[in-house]
């Protein structure tokens, strides 16, 4: 089973190290960032299952990170927990109200209490079937929500992207290698959208099968798909053994 991914955004090295060591020991994959722009780039390329945000950072406030995540169709589903020394009432209201964070925890904190809150949030995400268990991309309810929001809009296109031959590939190489290909494809799609797409472009994945959902403008869609197909054909061979690559 793929490890759930937690992003820790914290500029104090001792606290970041504590959180990384603890949550890694609990079976999570932990990514860390000391600056807001780095955190946003991580979320766009490899979306985490949950983000733990400090407020006071060198380049921006954690509130700004949260607002940016909520504003993007690709990241607005990520649960946000603030973990900060800013404990005034107006700070808590800003985090829970303007940013719509799930929790606001004031330092100093009890690491086991933080873990329980994180675990409960991830359990809720799984229960609601909001992110794909392998790629962490939005799925099910989030895809439906995105499509409903576009029904009354003009100038958008929907693409369903299927990995041909995936079932046969998985039978030959096994489920773990198949999951690697799903993650590889999700990363290619994310990188392609970051390089060539727009802020309103959306990427999701069907919960069953190797199918991805992309919404963009008609003008961008063709270029995005062509670029993706070229990169996929050039790079997917790394997942085959040497004999099958020939």
Protein backbone atom coordinates (compact mmCIF):
# COMPACT_ATOMS: atom_id res chain seq x y z
CA UNK A 1 0.00 0.00 0.00
CA UNK A 2 1.27 3.50 -0.87
CA UNK A 3 2.33 5.56 2.13
CA UNK A 4 0.23 8.64 2.81
CA UNK A 5 2.23 11.79 2.17
CA UNK A 6 2.41 14.67 4.65
CA UNK A 7 3.91 18.04 3.77
CA UNK A 8 5.51 19.89 6.71
CA UNK A 9 6.06 23.61 6.06
CA UNK A 10 8.21 24.89 8.92
CA UNK A 11 11.25 27.19 8.95
CA UNK A 12 12.52 26.12 12.38
CA UNK A 13 14.90 23.20 11.67
CA UNK A 14 14.42 21.56 15.07
CA UNK A 15 10.62 21.49 14.79
CA UNK A 16 10.72 20.38 11.14
CA UNK A 17 13.12 17.58 12.07
CA UNK A 18 10.96 16.49 15.02
CA UNK A 19 7.84 16.29 12.85
CA UNK A 20 9.65 14.50 10.02
CA UNK A 21 11.21 11.90 12.32
CA UNK A 22 8.00 11.29 14.25
CA UNK A 23 5.62 10.96 11.31
CA UNK A 24 8.11 8.88 9.33
CA UNK A 25 8.27 6.49 12.29
CA UNK A 26 4.46 6.28 12.15
CA UNK A 27 4.57 5.03 8.55
CA UNK A 28 4.02 8.25 6.58
CA UNK A 29 6.07 9.72 3.77
CA UNK A 30 7.10 13.19 4.95
CA UNK A 31 8.13 16.09 2.71
CA UNK A 32 9.48 19.30 4.23
CA UNK A 33 9.75 22.89 3.04
CA UNK A 34 11.15 25.96 4.81
CA UNK A 35 9.74 28.46 2.31
CA UNK A 36 6.26 28.99 0.97
CA UNK A 37 7.16 28.94 -2.72
CA UNK A 38 8.88 25.59 -2.29
CA UNK A 39 5.78 24.24 -0.53
CA UNK A 40 3.49 25.37 -3.35
CA UNK A 41 5.75 23.80 -5.96
CA UNK A 42 5.71 20.50 -4.06
CA UNK A 43 1.91 20.60 -3.90
CA UNK A 44 1.63 21.20 -7.63
CA UNK A 45 4.06 18.43 -8.60
CA UNK A 46 3.39 15.74 -5.98
CA UNK A 47 0.23 16.67 -4.05
CA UNK A 48 0.39 15.55 -0.41
CA UNK A 49 -2.48 13.91 1.43
CA UNK A 50 -2.26 16.63 4.09
CA UNK A 51 -0.33 19.85 4.78
CA UNK A 52 0.99 20.99 8.18
CA UNK A 53 1.64 24.73 7.89
CA UNK A 54 3.49 27.19 10.07
CA UNK A 55 2.38 30.82 9.68
CA UNK A 56 5.65 32.74 10.02
CA UNK A 57 7.88 31.85 7.06
CA UNK A 58 10.76 33.73 5.37
CA UNK A 59 8.99 34.52 2.09
CA UNK A 60 5.26 34.52 2.91
CA UNK A 61 2.75 33.71 5.60
CA UNK A 62 1.31 30.24 5.92
CA UNK A 63 -2.10 31.84 5.38
CA UNK A 64 -1.00 32.77 1.86
CA UNK A 65 0.04 29.18 1.18
CA UNK A 66 -3.34 27.95 2.38
CA UNK A 67 -5.22 30.48 0.24
CA UNK A 68 -3.18 29.49 -2.82
CA UNK A 69 -3.96 25.81 -2.23
CA UNK A 70 -7.66 26.57 -1.85
CA UNK A 71 -7.69 28.72 -5.00
CA UNK A 72 -6.32 26.02 -7.31
CA UNK A 73 -8.59 23.22 -8.58
CA UNK A 74 -5.61 20.85 -8.34
CA UNK A 75 -4.89 21.44 -4.63
CA UNK A 76 -8.04 22.76 -2.97
CA UNK A 77 -8.94 19.30 -1.65
CA UNK A 78 -5.77 18.99 0.47
CA UNK A 79 -6.54 19.10 4.23
CA UNK A 80 -4.69 21.93 5.99
CA UNK A 81 -3.62 22.00 9.64
CA UNK A 82 -1.92 25.10 10.99
CA UNK A 83 0.82 24.47 13.55
CA UNK A 84 2.04 27.86 14.72
CA UNK A 85 2.99 30.15 17.60
CA UNK A 86 0.44 32.69 16.35
CA UNK A 87 -2.38 31.98 18.79
CA UNK A 88 -4.36 35.22 18.96
CA UNK A 89 -8.08 35.03 18.28
CA UNK A 90 -7.77 36.95 14.99
CA UNK A 91 -5.07 34.54 13.85
CA UNK A 92 -7.19 31.48 14.57
CA UNK A 93 -10.21 33.03 12.86
CA UNK A 94 -8.12 33.87 9.81
CA UNK A 95 -6.78 30.33 9.53
CA UNK A 96 -10.10 28.60 10.08
CA UNK A 97 -12.25 31.17 8.29
CA UNK A 98 -10.39 32.79 5.40
CA UNK A 99 -8.18 29.80 4.64
CA UNK A 100 -10.76 27.16 5.66
CA UNK A 101 -8.17 25.03 7.44
CA UNK A 102 -9.39 21.88 9.14
CA UNK A 103 -7.51 22.62 12.40
CA UNK A 104 -5.49 25.40 14.03
CA UNK A 105 -2.98 24.17 16.63
CA UNK A 106 -0.95 26.62 18.72
CA UNK A 107 2.64 25.86 19.74
CA UNK A 108 3.88 24.34 21.99
CA UNK A 109 2.05 21.21 20.89
CA UNK A 110 1.65 17.61 21.98
CA UNK A 111 3.04 15.50 19.13
CA UNK A 112 0.67 12.60 19.85
CA UNK A 113 -2.32 14.95 19.80
CA UNK A 114 -1.15 16.31 16.45
CA UNK A 115 -0.84 12.74 15.18
CA UNK A 116 -4.40 11.91 16.24
CA UNK A 117 -5.73 14.99 14.43
CA UNK A 118 -3.71 14.12 11.30
CA UNK A 119 -4.86 10.50 11.39
CA UNK A 120 -8.51 11.50 11.81
CA UNK A 121 -8.30 13.90 8.87
CA UNK A 122 -6.72 11.28 6.63
CA UNK A 123 -9.34 8.73 7.71
CA UNK A 124 -12.03 11.22 6.70
CA UNK A 125 -10.44 11.78 3.29
CA UNK A 126 -10.32 8.02 2.69
CA UNK A 127 -13.90 7.60 3.87
CA UNK A 128 -15.10 10.26 1.45
CA UNK A 129 -12.97 8.80 -1.36
CA UNK A 130 -11.44 12.18 -2.18
CA UNK A 131 -7.92 11.23 -3.27
CA UNK A 132 -6.50 8.32 -5.23
CA UNK A 133 -4.69 5.86 -2.92
CA UNK A 134 -1.68 5.59 -5.24
CA UNK A 135 -1.18 9.05 -6.79
CA UNK A 136 -2.98 11.30 -4.26
CA UNK A 137 -4.74 13.01 -7.17
CA UNK A 138 -8.32 14.19 -6.63
CA UNK A 139 -10.94 11.58 -7.44
CA UNK A 140 -14.66 10.75 -7.08
CA UNK A 141 -16.42 13.65 -5.31
CA UNK A 142 -13.71 16.18 -6.19
CA UNK A 143 -13.90 15.33 -9.91
CA UNK A 144 -17.69 15.58 -9.84
CA UNK A 145 -17.47 18.93 -8.05
CA UNK A 146 -15.06 20.26 -10.67
CA UNK A 147 -17.29 19.13 -13.54
CA UNK A 148 -20.39 20.64 -11.94
CA UNK A 149 -18.59 23.96 -11.55
CA UNK A 150 -17.82 23.98 -15.29
CA UNK A 151 -21.28 23.04 -16.57
CA UNK A 152 -22.40 26.66 -16.80
CA UNK A 153 -19.02 27.94 -18.02
CA UNK A 154 -17.80 28.45 -21.57
CA UNK A 155 -14.45 27.72 -23.14
CA UNK A 156 -13.35 24.51 -21.48
CA UNK A 157 -12.61 20.97 -22.62
CA UNK A 158 -12.64 17.60 -20.86
CA UNK A 159 -10.04 14.92 -21.62
CA UNK A 160 -10.07 11.32 -20.39
CA UNK A 161 -6.54 9.93 -20.54
CA UNK A 162 -6.19 6.14 -20.54
CA UNK A 163 -2.96 4.12 -20.34
CA UNK A 164 -3.30 1.57 -23.12
CA UNK A 165 -2.18 -1.94 -22.24
CA UNK A 166 -1.95 -1.19 -18.52
CA UNK A 167 -3.86 -4.30 -17.44
CA UNK A 168 -1.57 -6.60 -19.46
CA UNK A 169 1.50 -4.75 -18.19
CA UNK A 170 0.37 -5.24 -14.59
CA UNK A 171 -0.22 -8.95 -15.16
CA UNK A 172 3.34 -9.34 -16.45
CA UNK A 173 5.20 -7.07 -14.02
CA UNK A 174 2.96 -7.13 -10.97
CA UNK A 175 0.83 -4.59 -9.11
CA UNK A 176 3.72 -2.68 -7.43
CA UNK A 177 5.32 -1.87 -10.80
CA UNK A 178 1.87 -0.95 -12.13
CA UNK A 179 1.51 1.52 -9.26
CA UNK A 180 4.90 2.97 -10.18
CA UNK A 181 3.58 3.61 -13.70
CA UNK A 182 0.49 5.34 -12.29
CA UNK A 183 2.68 7.60 -10.16
CA UNK A 184 4.98 8.22 -13.14
CA UNK A 185 2.01 9.20 -15.33
CA UNK A 186 0.54 11.44 -12.63
CA UNK A 187 3.89 13.21 -12.27
CA UNK A 188 4.18 13.68 -16.05
CA UNK A 189 0.69 15.16 -16.16
CA UNK A 190 1.39 17.47 -13.22
CA UNK A 191 4.68 18.66 -14.73
CA UNK A 192 3.04 19.20 -18.12
CA UNK A 193 0.26 21.30 -16.62
CA UNK A 194 2.75 23.30 -14.53
CA UNK A 195 4.85 24.02 -17.62
CA UNK A 196 2.15 24.62 -20.23
CA UNK A 197 -1.22 24.85 -18.50
CA UNK A 198 -3.14 27.49 -16.61
CA UNK A 199 -4.02 28.10 -12.98
CA UNK A 200 -7.58 26.88 -13.54
CA UNK A 201 -6.61 23.60 -15.20
CA UNK A 202 -7.67 20.53 -13.24
CA UNK A 203 -6.16 17.06 -12.97
CA UNK A 204 -7.84 14.07 -11.33
CA UNK A 205 -7.83 10.29 -11.52
CA UNK A 206 -10.63 7.77 -11.65
CA UNK A 207 -10.64 5.56 -8.57
CA UNK A 208 -10.72 2.38 -10.70
CA UNK A 209 -8.53 1.80 -13.73
CA UNK A 210 -5.63 3.72 -15.29
CA UNK A 211 -7.70 6.74 -16.31
CA UNK A 212 -6.96 10.39 -15.62
CA UNK A 213 -9.25 13.40 -15.99
CA UNK A 214 -8.00 16.73 -17.33
CA UNK A 215 -9.98 19.94 -17.78
CA UNK A 216 -8.45 22.92 -19.56
CA UNK A 217 -9.23 25.33 -22.37
CA UNK A 218 -9.68 23.83 -25.86
CA UNK A 219 -6.65 25.79 -27.06
CA UNK A 220 -4.34 24.39 -24.40
CA UNK A 221 -5.72 20.86 -24.35
CA UNK A 222 -4.26 19.71 -27.67
CA UNK A 223 -0.78 20.99 -26.80
CA UNK A 224 -0.94 19.45 -23.32
CA UNK A 225 -1.97 16.04 -24.64
CA UNK A 226 0.60 16.02 -27.44
CA UNK A 227 3.38 16.97 -25.02
CA UNK A 228 2.25 14.32 -22.54
CA UNK A 229 2.13 11.57 -25.18
CA UNK A 230 5.62 12.43 -26.41
CA UNK A 231 7.12 12.38 -22.92
CA UNK A 232 5.24 9.21 -21.95
CA UNK A 233 6.44 7.32 -25.04
CA UNK A 234 10.02 8.49 -24.47
CA UNK A 235 10.19 7.72 -20.75
CA UNK A 236 7.84 4.82 -19.95
CA UNK A 237 10.43 2.30 -21.18
CA UNK A 238 12.32 2.73 -17.91
CA UNK A 239 9.58 0.66 -16.24
CA UNK A 240 10.19 -2.34 -18.54
CA UNK A 241 12.96 -4.87 -18.07
CA UNK A 242 15.89 -4.74 -20.47
CA UNK A 243 14.64 -7.59 -22.67
CA UNK A 244 11.24 -5.96 -23.22
CA UNK A 245 12.76 -2.56 -24.01
CA UNK A 246 14.54 -3.93 -27.09
